[in-house]
Amino acid sequence: MVAPAQRSPRARRKAQTKQTDDGLPVHSFRTLLADLATLTKNQVRSLAAGAVTVEMLATPTPVQQRAFDLLQVSPRL
């Protein structure tokens, strides 16, 4: 017979505080995808520069940036 698995103190702390060790909120895969989906691409038009339109990504939130860092990718247009 095998004994049931025991949570580590770190896992218990994460479950209790709902935060990672670096202070970010804990996400499920689904909620992380929902959070990542809020990163927007914006079109900025400058009339002063001859009506030039430029696409820009919004600055990622700390959670979004951490996810990109862990995946070793950068957000792009």
Protein backbone atom coordinates (compact mmCIF):
# COMPACT_ATOMS: atom_id res chain seq x y z
CA MET A 1 0.00 0.00 0.00
CA VAL A 2 1.22 3.50 -0.84
CA ALA A 3 0.80 6.41 1.54
CA PRO A 4 -1.17 9.40 0.20
CA ALA A 5 0.92 12.25 -1.16
CA GLN A 6 1.64 15.09 1.23
CA ARG A 7 1.77 18.73 0.19
CA SER A 8 5.07 20.48 0.75
CA PRO A 9 5.14 23.51 3.05
CA ARG A 10 5.70 25.68 -0.04
CA ALA A 11 2.61 24.24 -1.77
CA ARG A 12 0.51 24.70 1.38
CA ARG A 13 1.66 28.35 1.65
CA LYS A 14 0.81 28.97 -2.02
CA ALA A 15 -2.66 27.47 -1.58
CA GLN A 16 -3.26 29.46 1.59
CA THR A 17 -2.04 32.86 0.35
CA LYS A 18 -3.15 32.43 -3.31
CA GLN A 19 0.20 33.99 -4.26
CA THR A 20 3.44 32.70 -5.75
CA ASP A 21 6.75 33.10 -3.91
CA ASP A 22 7.37 36.33 -5.84
CA GLY A 23 4.00 37.81 -4.79
CA LEU A 24 2.05 37.28 -8.02
CA PRO A 25 -1.48 35.84 -7.93
CA VAL A 26 -1.83 32.11 -8.47
CA HIS A 27 -3.57 31.15 -11.73
CA SER A 28 -5.03 28.03 -13.22
CA PHE A 29 -4.20 27.43 -16.87
CA ARG A 30 -7.61 28.80 -17.86
CA THR A 31 -7.33 31.98 -15.79
CA LEU A 32 -3.75 32.54 -16.99
CA LEU A 33 -4.94 32.36 -20.60
CA ALA A 34 -7.72 34.81 -19.78
CA ASP A 35 -5.17 37.16 -18.22
CA LEU A 36 -2.83 36.86 -21.23
CA ALA A 37 -5.77 37.59 -23.55
CA THR A 38 -6.06 41.09 -22.10
CA LEU A 39 -2.74 42.18 -23.62
CA THR A 40 -3.81 44.57 -26.35
CA LYS A 41 -2.40 45.69 -29.67
CA ASN A 42 -3.19 49.35 -30.28
CA GLN A 43 -3.10 51.44 -33.42
CA VAL A 44 -1.77 54.91 -32.77
CA ARG A 45 -2.18 57.61 -35.40
CA SER A 46 -0.26 60.86 -35.30
CA LEU A 47 -1.79 63.63 -37.35
CA ALA A 48 1.24 65.78 -36.61
CA ALA A 49 3.49 63.21 -38.35
CA GLY A 50 1.46 63.18 -41.56
CA ALA A 51 -1.24 60.73 -40.42
CA VAL A 52 1.25 57.92 -39.77
CA THR A 53 -0.28 54.88 -38.05
CA VAL A 54 1.87 52.74 -35.78
CA GLU A 55 0.89 49.48 -34.06
CA MET A 56 2.00 49.10 -30.46
CA LEU A 57 1.57 46.42 -27.82
CA ALA A 58 0.44 47.54 -24.40
CA THR A 59 2.94 47.01 -21.60
CA PRO A 60 2.44 43.52 -20.15
CA THR A 61 1.30 43.27 -16.53
CA PRO A 62 3.75 41.63 -14.11
CA VAL A 63 1.83 38.33 -14.39
CA GLN A 64 1.87 38.46 -18.18
CA GLN A 65 5.57 39.34 -18.26
CA ARG A 66 6.40 36.48 -15.87
CA ALA A 67 4.50 34.03 -18.10
CA PHE A 68 6.39 35.26 -21.17
CA ASP A 69 9.69 35.00 -19.28
CA LEU A 70 8.96 31.43 -18.19
CA LEU A 71 8.03 30.50 -21.75
CA GLN A 72 11.15 32.31 -23.01
CA VAL A 73 9.11 34.29 -25.54
CA SER A 74 8.43 37.96 -26.01
CA PRO A 75 5.08 39.45 -26.92
CA ARG A 76 5.05 40.70 -30.51
CA LEU A 77 2.73 42.29 -32.99
